[in-house]
Every structure is written in C-alpha cells, then in structure tokens.
PDB file of N, CA and C in Angstrom:
ATOM      1  N   MET A   1      36.725 -22.902  -2.341  1.00  0.00           N
ATOM      2  CA  MET A   1      35.893 -22.409  -1.267  1.00  0.00           C
ATOM      3  C   MET A   1      34.442 -22.808  -1.545  1.00  0.00           C
ATOM      4  N   ALA A   2      33.748 -23.258  -0.546  1.00  0.00           N
ATOM      5  CA  ALA A   2      32.351 -23.664  -0.680  1.00  0.00           C
ATOM      6  C   ALA A   2      31.468 -22.425  -0.803  1.00  0.00           C
ATOM      7  N   ALA A   3      30.370 -22.563  -1.517  1.00  0.00           N
ATOM      8  CA  ALA A   3      29.434 -21.449  -1.659  1.00  0.00           C
ATOM      9  C   ALA A   3      28.800 -21.140  -0.309  1.00  0.00           C
ATOM     10  N   LEU A   4      28.790 -19.873   0.050  1.00  0.00           N
ATOM     11  CA  LEU A   4      28.223 -19.472   1.338  1.00  0.00           C
ATOM     12  C   LEU A   4      26.702 -19.415   1.286  1.00  0.00           C
ATOM     13  N   TYR A   5      26.136 -19.344   0.100  1.00  0.00           N
ATOM     14  CA  TYR A   5      24.705 -19.163  -0.035  1.00  0.00           C
ATOM     15  C   TYR A   5      24.029 -20.414  -0.575  1.00  0.00           C
ATOM     16  N   SER A   6      24.354 -21.542  -0.033  1.00  0.00           N
ATOM     17  CA  SER A   6      23.798 -22.797  -0.526  1.00  0.00           C
ATOM     18  C   SER A   6      22.414 -23.032   0.064  1.00  0.00           C
ATOM     19  N   LEU A   7      21.426 -23.140  -0.801  1.00  0.00           N
ATOM     20  CA  LEU A   7      20.077 -23.431  -0.326  1.00  0.00           C
ATOM     21  C   LEU A   7      19.969 -24.842   0.228  1.00  0.00           C
ATOM     22  N   SER A   8      20.871 -25.733  -0.204  1.00  0.00           N
ATOM     23  CA  SER A   8      20.797 -27.117   0.256  1.00  0.00           C
ATOM     24  C   SER A   8      21.137 -27.239   1.739  1.00  0.00           C
ATOM     25  N   THR A   9      21.891 -26.302   2.287  1.00  0.00           N
ATOM     26  CA  THR A   9      22.245 -26.360   3.706  1.00  0.00           C
ATOM     27  C   THR A   9      21.317 -25.514   4.573  1.00  0.00           C
ATOM     28  N   LEU A  10      20.397 -24.779   3.954  1.00  0.00           N
ATOM     29  CA  LEU A  10      19.480 -23.914   4.680  1.00  0.00           C
ATOM     30  C   LEU A  10      18.214 -24.698   5.014  1.00  0.00           C
ATOM     31  N   ALA A  11      17.808 -24.652   6.268  1.00  0.00           N
ATOM     32  CA  ALA A  11      16.588 -25.351   6.689  1.00  0.00           C
ATOM     33  C   ALA A  11      15.394 -24.803   5.908  1.00  0.00           C
ATOM     34  N   PRO A  12      14.548 -25.685   5.379  1.00  0.00           N
ATOM     35  CA  PRO A  12      13.386 -25.219   4.611  1.00  0.00           C
ATOM     36  C   PRO A  12      12.506 -24.252   5.400  1.00  0.00           C
ATOM     37  N   ALA A  13      12.376 -24.467   6.699  1.00  0.00           N
ATOM     38  CA  ALA A  13      11.553 -23.575   7.518  1.00  0.00           C
ATOM     39  C   ALA A  13      12.165 -22.174   7.586  1.00  0.00           C
ATOM     40  N   THR A  14      13.500 -22.097   7.641  1.00  0.00           N
ATOM     41  CA  THR A  14      14.176 -20.803   7.670  1.00  0.00           C
ATOM     42  C   THR A  14      13.993 -20.090   6.330  1.00  0.00           C
ATOM     43  N   ARG A  15      14.155 -20.822   5.247  1.00  0.00           N
ATOM     44  CA  ARG A  15      13.966 -20.237   3.919  1.00  0.00           C
ATOM     45  C   ARG A  15      12.538 -19.712   3.783  1.00  0.00           C
ATOM     46  N   ALA A  16      11.546 -20.500   4.213  1.00  0.00           N
ATOM     47  CA  ALA A  16      10.145 -20.084   4.131  1.00  0.00           C
ATOM     48  C   ALA A  16       9.892 -18.844   4.984  1.00  0.00           C
ATOM     49  N   GLU A  17      10.516 -18.791   6.146  1.00  0.00           N
ATOM     50  CA  GLU A  17      10.360 -17.632   7.025  1.00  0.00           C
ATOM     51  C   GLU A  17      10.930 -16.376   6.371  1.00  0.00           C
ATOM     52  N   ILE A  18      12.104 -16.506   5.750  1.00  0.00           N
ATOM     53  CA  ILE A  18      12.735 -15.366   5.074  1.00  0.00           C
ATOM     54  C   ILE A  18      11.824 -14.853   3.965  1.00  0.00           C
ATOM     55  N   VAL A  19      11.305 -15.745   3.149  1.00  0.00           N
ATOM     56  CA  VAL A  19      10.435 -15.355   2.040  1.00  0.00           C
ATOM     57  C   VAL A  19       9.159 -14.698   2.576  1.00  0.00           C
ATOM     58  N   ALA A  20       8.573 -15.268   3.618  1.00  0.00           N
ATOM     59  CA  ALA A  20       7.335 -14.726   4.182  1.00  0.00           C
ATOM     60  C   ALA A  20       7.551 -13.342   4.791  1.00  0.00           C
ATOM     61  N   LEU A  21       8.653 -13.170   5.514  1.00  0.00           N
ATOM     62  CA  LEU A  21       8.937 -11.864   6.119  1.00  0.00           C
ATOM     63  C   LEU A  21       9.169 -10.805   5.052  1.00  0.00           C
ATOM     64  N   ARG A  22       9.861 -11.178   3.980  1.00  0.00           N
ATOM     65  CA  ARG A  22      10.108 -10.218   2.899  1.00  0.00           C
ATOM     66  C   ARG A  22       8.805  -9.866   2.194  1.00  0.00           C
ATOM     67  N   ALA A  23       7.954 -10.855   1.974  1.00  0.00           N
ATOM     68  CA  ALA A  23       6.662 -10.608   1.335  1.00  0.00           C
ATOM     69  C   ALA A  23       5.784  -9.707   2.207  1.00  0.00           C
ATOM     70  N   ALA A  24       6.003  -9.756   3.527  1.00  0.00           N
ATOM     71  CA  ALA A  24       5.256  -8.921   4.463  1.00  0.00           C
ATOM     72  C   ALA A  24       5.830  -7.507   4.548  1.00  0.00           C
ATOM     73  N   GLY A  25       6.918  -7.254   3.803  1.00  0.00           N
ATOM     74  CA  GLY A  25       7.455  -5.903   3.754  1.00  0.00           C
ATOM     75  C   GLY A  25       8.685  -5.646   4.607  1.00  0.00           C
ATOM     76  N   ARG A  26       9.204  -6.666   5.277  1.00  0.00           N
ATOM     77  CA  ARG A  26      10.395  -6.463   6.105  1.00  0.00           C
ATOM     78  C   ARG A  26      11.628  -6.318   5.226  1.00  0.00           C
ATOM     79  N   SER A  27      12.552  -5.457   5.628  1.00  0.00           N
ATOM     80  CA  SER A  27      13.793  -5.278   4.881  1.00  0.00           C
ATOM     81  C   SER A  27      14.709  -6.476   5.109  1.00  0.00           C
ATOM     82  N   CYS A  28      15.675  -6.639   4.226  1.00  0.00           N
ATOM     83  CA  CYS A  28      16.632  -7.740   4.381  1.00  0.00           C
ATOM     84  C   CYS A  28      17.412  -7.589   5.682  1.00  0.00           C
ATOM     85  N   ASP A  29      17.770  -6.344   6.037  1.00  0.00           N
ATOM     86  CA  ASP A  29      18.492  -6.115   7.288  1.00  0.00           C
ATOM     87  C   ASP A  29      17.633  -6.464   8.500  1.00  0.00           C
ATOM     88  N   ALA A  30      16.337  -6.136   8.442  1.00  0.00           N
ATOM     89  CA  ALA A  30      15.440  -6.455   9.557  1.00  0.00           C
ATOM     90  C   ALA A  30      15.253  -7.966   9.693  1.00  0.00           C
ATOM     91  N   ILE A  31      15.186  -8.659   8.569  1.00  0.00           N
ATOM     92  CA  ILE A  31      15.057 -10.121   8.610  1.00  0.00           C
ATOM     93  C   ILE A  31      16.314 -10.725   9.226  1.00  0.00           C
ATOM     94  N   ALA A  32      17.484 -10.245   8.803  1.00  0.00           N
ATOM     95  CA  ALA A  32      18.756 -10.739   9.362  1.00  0.00           C
ATOM     96  C   ALA A  32      18.806 -10.495  10.868  1.00  0.00           C
ATOM     97  N   ALA A  33      18.400  -9.320  11.299  1.00  0.00           N
ATOM     98  CA  ALA A  33      18.415  -8.999  12.735  1.00  0.00           C
ATOM     99  C   ALA A  33      17.488  -9.925  13.517  1.00  0.00           C
ATOM    100  N   ALA A  34      16.308 -10.219  12.952  1.00  0.00           N
ATOM    101  CA  ALA A  34      15.365 -11.116  13.629  1.00  0.00           C
ATOM    102  C   ALA A  34      15.928 -12.528  13.749  1.00  0.00           C
ATOM    103  N   LEU A  35      16.563 -13.010  12.687  1.00  0.00           N
ATOM    104  CA  LEU A  35      17.165 -14.355  12.738  1.00  0.00           C
ATOM    105  C   LEU A  35      18.300 -14.400  13.760  1.00  0.00           C
ATOM    106  N   ASN A  36      19.132 -13.366  13.778  1.00  0.00           N
ATOM    107  CA  ASN A  36      20.235 -13.311  14.746  1.00  0.00           C
ATOM    108  C   ASN A  36      19.718 -13.255  16.179  1.00  0.00           C
ATOM    109  N   LYS A  37      18.665 -12.475  16.405  1.00  0.00           N
ATOM    110  CA  LYS A  37      18.097 -12.340  17.756  1.00  0.00           C
ATOM    111  C   LYS A  37      17.590 -13.679  18.281  1.00  0.00           C
ATOM    112  N   ARG A  38      17.036 -14.496  17.369  1.00  0.00           N
ATOM    113  CA  ARG A  38      16.537 -15.819  17.756  1.00  0.00           C
ATOM    114  C   ARG A  38      17.636 -16.868  17.827  1.00  0.00           C
ATOM    115  N   GLY A  39      18.840 -16.521  17.413  1.00  0.00           N
ATOM    116  CA  GLY A  39      19.943 -17.473  17.476  1.00  0.00           C
ATOM    117  C   GLY A  39      20.013 -18.441  16.311  1.00  0.00           C
ATOM    118  N   VAL A  40      19.329 -18.119  15.212  1.00  0.00           N
ATOM    119  CA  VAL A  40      19.380 -18.972  14.019  1.00  0.00           C
ATOM    120  C   VAL A  40      20.742 -18.770  13.363  1.00  0.00           C
ATOM    121  N   ARG A  41      21.448 -19.864  13.109  1.00  0.00           N
ATOM    122  CA  ARG A  41      22.776 -19.760  12.497  1.00  0.00           C
ATOM    123  C   ARG A  41      22.662 -19.436  11.022  1.00  0.00           C
ATOM    124  N   GLY A  42      23.567 -18.561  10.570  1.00  0.00           N
ATOM    125  CA  GLY A  42      23.585 -18.170   9.166  1.00  0.00           C
ATOM    126  C   GLY A  42      24.059 -19.296   8.268  1.00  0.00           C
ATOM    127  N   THR A  43      24.076 -19.024   6.985  1.00  0.00           N
ATOM    128  CA  THR A  43      24.437 -20.048   6.010  1.00  0.00           C
ATOM    129  C   THR A  43      25.868 -20.526   6.164  1.00  0.00           C
ATOM    130  N   ALA A  44      26.739 -19.685   6.719  1.00  0.00           N
ATOM    131  CA  ALA A  44      28.129 -20.080   6.939  1.00  0.00           C
ATOM    132  C   ALA A  44      28.352 -20.497   8.396  1.00  0.00           C
ATOM    133  N   GLY A  45      27.268 -20.639   9.146  1.00  0.00           N
ATOM    134  CA  GLY A  45      27.363 -21.077  10.535  1.00  0.00           C
ATOM    135  C   GLY A  45      27.467 -19.953  11.550  1.00  0.00           C
ATOM    136  N   GLY A  46      27.449 -18.716  11.092  1.00  0.00           N
ATOM    137  CA  GLY A  46      27.573 -17.571  12.002  1.00  0.00           C
ATOM    138  C   GLY A  46      26.346 -16.673  11.941  1.00  0.00           C
ATOM    139  N   ARG A  47      26.626 -15.382  11.914  1.00  0.00           N
ATOM    140  CA  ARG A  47      25.570 -14.371  11.914  1.00  0.00           C
ATOM    141  C   ARG A  47      24.921 -14.218  10.543  1.00  0.00           C
ATOM    142  N   TRP A  48      23.727 -13.648  10.552  1.00  0.00           N
ATOM    143  CA  TRP A  48      23.025 -13.295   9.328  1.00  0.00           C
ATOM    144  C   TRP A  48      23.307 -11.829   9.007  1.00  0.00           C
ATOM    145  N   TYR A  49      23.358 -11.527   7.733  1.00  0.00           N
ATOM    146  CA  TYR A  49      23.536 -10.161   7.245  1.00  0.00           C
ATOM    147  C   TYR A  49      22.475  -9.891   6.193  1.00  0.00           C
ATOM    148  N   GLY A  50      22.120  -8.631   6.018  1.00  0.00           N
ATOM    149  CA  GLY A  50      21.116  -8.274   5.033  1.00  0.00           C
ATOM    150  C   GLY A  50      21.474  -8.753   3.637  1.00  0.00           C
ATOM    151  N   ALA A  51      22.740  -8.660   3.278  1.00  0.00           N
ATOM    152  CA  ALA A  51      23.184  -9.100   1.955  1.00  0.00           C
ATOM    153  C   ALA A  51      22.995 -10.608   1.786  1.00  0.00           C
ATOM    154  N   THR A  52      23.188 -11.355   2.857  1.00  0.00           N
ATOM    155  CA  THR A  52      22.996 -12.810   2.792  1.00  0.00           C
ATOM    156  C   THR A  52      21.515 -13.119   2.581  1.00  0.00           C
ATOM    157  N   VAL A  53      20.650 -12.427   3.309  1.00  0.00           N
ATOM    158  CA  VAL A  53      19.208 -12.622   3.154  1.00  0.00           C
ATOM    159  C   VAL A  53      18.803 -12.290   1.720  1.00  0.00           C
ATOM    160  N   HIS A  54      19.332 -11.198   1.184  1.00  0.00           N
ATOM    161  CA  HIS A  54      19.010 -10.796  -0.182  1.00  0.00           C
ATOM    162  C   HIS A  54      19.423 -11.886  -1.174  1.00  0.00           C
ATOM    163  N   ARG A  55      20.603 -12.443  -0.990  1.00  0.00           N
ATOM    164  CA  ARG A  55      21.084 -13.491  -1.903  1.00  0.00           C
ATOM    165  C   ARG A  55      20.226 -14.761  -1.775  1.00  0.00           C
ATOM    166  N   ILE A  56      19.838 -15.102  -0.567  1.00  0.00           N
ATOM    167  CA  ILE A  56      18.958 -16.264  -0.362  1.00  0.00           C
ATOM    168  C   ILE A  56      17.639 -16.039  -1.096  1.00  0.00           C
ATOM    169  N   LEU A  57      17.092 -14.842  -1.024  1.00  0.00           N
ATOM    170  CA  LEU A  57      15.847 -14.536  -1.729  1.00  0.00           C
ATOM    171  C   LEU A  57      16.023 -14.676  -3.236  1.00  0.00           C
ATOM    172  N   GLN A  58      17.154 -14.249  -3.749  1.00  0.00           N
ATOM    173  CA  GLN A  58      17.415 -14.393  -5.183  1.00  0.00           C
ATOM    174  C   GLN A  58      17.511 -15.861  -5.578  1.00  0.00           C
ATOM    175  N   LEU A  59      18.182 -16.657  -4.770  1.00  0.00           N
ATOM    176  CA  LEU A  59      18.339 -18.074  -5.068  1.00  0.00           C
ATOM    177  C   LEU A  59      17.036 -18.843  -4.892  1.00  0.00           C
ATOM    178  N   ALA A  60      16.184 -18.384  -3.995  1.00  0.00           N
ATOM    179  CA  ALA A  60      14.937 -19.087  -3.706  1.00  0.00           C
ATOM    180  C   ALA A  60      13.854 -18.799  -4.738  1.00  0.00           C
ATOM    181  N   ALA A  61      14.028 -17.755  -5.541  1.00  0.00           N
ATOM    182  CA  ALA A  61      13.010 -17.410  -6.540  1.00  0.00           C
ATOM    183  C   ALA A  61      12.969 -18.482  -7.628  1.00  0.00           C
ATOM    184  N   PRO A  62      11.783 -18.894  -8.016  1.00  0.00           N
ATOM    185  CA  PRO A  62      11.671 -19.872  -9.098  1.00  0.00           C
ATOM    186  C   PRO A  62      12.280 -19.318 -10.385  1.00  0.00           C
ATOM    187  N   ALA A  63      12.784 -20.192 -11.212  1.00  0.00           N
ATOM    188  CA  ALA A  63      13.399 -19.781 -12.471  1.00  0.00           C
ATOM    189  C   ALA A  63      12.424 -18.947 -13.285  1.00  0.00           C
ATOM    190  N   GLY A  64      12.913 -17.829 -13.795  1.00  0.00           N
ATOM    191  CA  GLY A  64      12.090 -16.965 -14.625  1.00  0.00           C
ATOM    192  C   GLY A  64      11.242 -15.977 -13.855  1.00  0.00           C
ATOM    193  N   GLN A  65      11.307 -16.007 -12.517  1.00  0.00           N
ATOM    194  CA  GLN A  65      10.526 -15.073 -11.715  1.00  0.00           C
ATOM    195  C   GLN A  65      11.462 -14.203 -10.894  1.00  0.00           C
ATOM    196  N   ALA A  66      11.033 -12.994 -10.609  1.00  0.00           N
ATOM    197  CA  ALA A  66      11.828 -12.086  -9.788  1.00  0.00           C
ATOM    198  C   ALA A  66      11.781 -12.533  -8.333  1.00  0.00           C
ATOM    199  N   ALA A  67      12.872 -12.306  -7.625  1.00  0.00           N
ATOM    200  CA  ALA A  67      12.920 -12.609  -6.200  1.00  0.00           C
ATOM    201  C   ALA A  67      11.946 -11.697  -5.461  1.00  0.00           C
ATOM    202  N   PRO A  68      11.409 -12.138  -4.303  1.00  0.00           N
ATOM    203  CA  PRO A  68      10.465 -11.306  -3.551  1.00  0.00           C
ATOM    204  C   PRO A  68      11.013  -9.914  -3.251  1.00  0.00           C
ATOM    205  N   SER A  69      12.304  -9.789  -2.996  1.00  0.00           N
ATOM    206  CA  SER A  69      12.871  -8.475  -2.704  1.00  0.00           C
ATOM    207  C   SER A  69      12.775  -7.566  -3.911  1.00  0.00           C
ATOM    208  N   LEU A  70      12.938  -8.123  -5.109  1.00  0.00           N
ATOM    209  CA  LEU A  70      12.852  -7.325  -6.316  1.00  0.00           C
ATOM    210  C   LEU A  70      11.407  -6.963  -6.620  1.00  0.00           C
ATOM    211  N   LEU A  71      10.484  -7.870  -6.330  1.00  0.00           N
ATOM    212  CA  LEU A  71       9.071  -7.585  -6.542  1.00  0.00           C
ATOM    213  C   LEU A  71       8.615  -6.440  -5.648  1.00  0.00           C
ATOM    214  N   ARG A  72       9.076  -6.412  -4.415  1.00  0.00           N
ATOM    215  CA  ARG A  72       8.682  -5.354  -3.490  1.00  0.00           C
ATOM    216  C   ARG A  72       9.171  -4.012  -3.994  1.00  0.00           C
ATOM    217  N   ARG A  73      10.438  -3.941  -4.446  1.00  0.00           N
ATOM    218  CA  ARG A  73      10.970  -2.690  -4.977  1.00  0.00           C
ATOM    219  C   ARG A  73      10.165  -2.222  -6.186  1.00  0.00           C
ATOM    220  N   ALA A  74       9.764  -3.142  -7.044  1.00  0.00           N
ATOM    221  CA  ALA A  74       8.987  -2.778  -8.219  1.00  0.00           C
ATOM    222  C   ALA A  74       7.631  -2.222  -7.801  1.00  0.00           C
ATOM    223  N   ALA A  75       7.005  -2.809  -6.799  1.00  0.00           N
ATOM    224  CA  ALA A  75       5.706  -2.336  -6.328  1.00  0.00           C
ATOM    225  C   ALA A  75       5.817  -0.933  -5.754  1.00  0.00           C
ATOM    226  N   ILE A  76       6.869  -0.659  -5.012  1.00  0.00           N
ATOM    227  CA  ILE A  76       7.080   0.674  -4.451  1.00  0.00           C
ATOM    228  C   ILE A  76       7.277   1.673  -5.587  1.00  0.00           C
ATOM    229  N   SER A  77       8.074   1.277  -6.564  1.00  0.00           N
ATOM    230  CA  SER A  77       8.353   2.161  -7.700  1.00  0.00           C
ATOM    231  C   SER A  77       7.075   2.493  -8.461  1.00  0.00           C
ATOM    232  N   VAL A  78       6.254   1.493  -8.716  1.00  0.00           N
ATOM    233  CA  VAL A  78       5.018   1.692  -9.464  1.00  0.00           C
ATOM    234  C   VAL A  78       4.031   2.510  -8.649  1.00  0.00           C
ATOM    235  N   SER A  79       3.887   2.211  -7.354  1.00  0.00           N
ATOM    236  CA  SER A  79       2.916   2.936  -6.540  1.00  0.00           C
ATOM    237  C   SER A  79       3.346   4.392  -6.369  1.00  0.00           C
ATOM    238  N   GLY A  80       4.637   4.638  -6.261  1.00  0.00           N
ATOM    239  CA  GLY A  80       5.124   6.019  -6.157  1.00  0.00           C
ATOM    240  C   GLY A  80       4.841   6.791  -7.417  1.00  0.00           C
ATOM    241  N   ALA A  81       5.027   6.153  -8.568  1.00  0.00           N
ATOM    242  CA  ALA A  81       4.759   6.821  -9.844  1.00  0.00           C
ATOM    243  C   ALA A  81       3.269   7.102  -9.993  1.00  0.00           C
ATOM    244  N   ALA A  82       2.434   6.181  -9.536  1.00  0.00           N
ATOM    245  CA  ALA A  82       1.004   6.358  -9.670  1.00  0.00           C
ATOM    246  C   ALA A  82       0.520   7.516  -8.787  1.00  0.00           C
ATOM    247  N   GLU A  83       1.089   7.664  -7.594  1.00  0.00           N
ATOM    248  CA  GLU A  83       0.681   8.714  -6.682  1.00  0.00           C
ATOM    249  C   GLU A  83       1.160  10.077  -7.158  1.00  0.00           C
ATOM    250  N   ASN A  84       2.340  10.136  -7.733  1.00  0.00           N
ATOM    251  CA  ASN A  84       2.936  11.413  -8.118  1.00  0.00           C
ATOM    252  C   ASN A  84       2.669  11.783  -9.566  1.00  0.00           C
ATOM    253  N   GLY A  85       2.034  10.941 -10.302  1.00  0.00           N
ATOM    254  CA  GLY A  85       1.778  11.214 -11.706  1.00  0.00           C
ATOM    255  C   GLY A  85       2.985  10.848 -12.543  1.00  0.00           C
ATOM    256  N   PRO A  86       2.857  10.856 -13.850  1.00  0.00           N
ATOM    257  CA  PRO A  86       3.936  10.415 -14.722  1.00  0.00           C
ATOM    258  C   PRO A  86       5.175  11.300 -14.670  1.00  0.00           C
ATOM    259  N   GLU A  87       5.022  12.548 -14.230  1.00  0.00           N
ATOM    260  CA  GLU A  87       6.174  13.451 -14.206  1.00  0.00           C
ATOM    261  C   GLU A  87       6.778  13.561 -12.816  1.00  0.00           C
ATOM    262  N   GLY A  88       6.281  12.775 -11.851  1.00  0.00           N
ATOM    263  CA  GLY A  88       6.906  12.645 -10.565  1.00  0.00           C
ATOM    264  C   GLY A  88       6.590  13.592  -9.530  1.00  0.00           C
TER     265      GLY A  88
END
C-alpha cells in the first residue's frame, strides 16, 4: 500500500498554506475543513481530515525541530503555567 501522507504528492502551495494556518493558531480540524470547503483534494485524492493535516505538519517539520502543531501546544502549556503560577 502506498503511503497516504506523501509530501512528494502534496502541492507545495498547499503544504505552505497548512503550515501558515497552523502557525496562525488554526486547529488541524479547522484547516482540514477549510481545504475541503475550497475543494482541495486530500493526499489520497479525497477529503481532508484533521489527523491527515497533523501528520503532514509532522512530516513537513525540518529534521530535529518540532512540528508547528507541537510548538503551538507547547506555547499554550507554557503560557498557562505562567498565568496560573507553578502550582497551577
């Protein structure tokens, strides 16, 4: 079976859009919904799903760096801890 999450078959503009939307704070599900609404075909030729967007973000991250989705979660975690103090 061919890999469903191949970056080689994903249009560079679509990949850039996914990364930019995630960096802007959009959820993976919201990004998938936006791509589906515009009629952009998913990596397997059909619909987009949040899990697919998440996997694309992981694959698109440069080696040794966290994917944008993971960076966003870390920022939320750190900012929440800073607001609530060390004991939460």
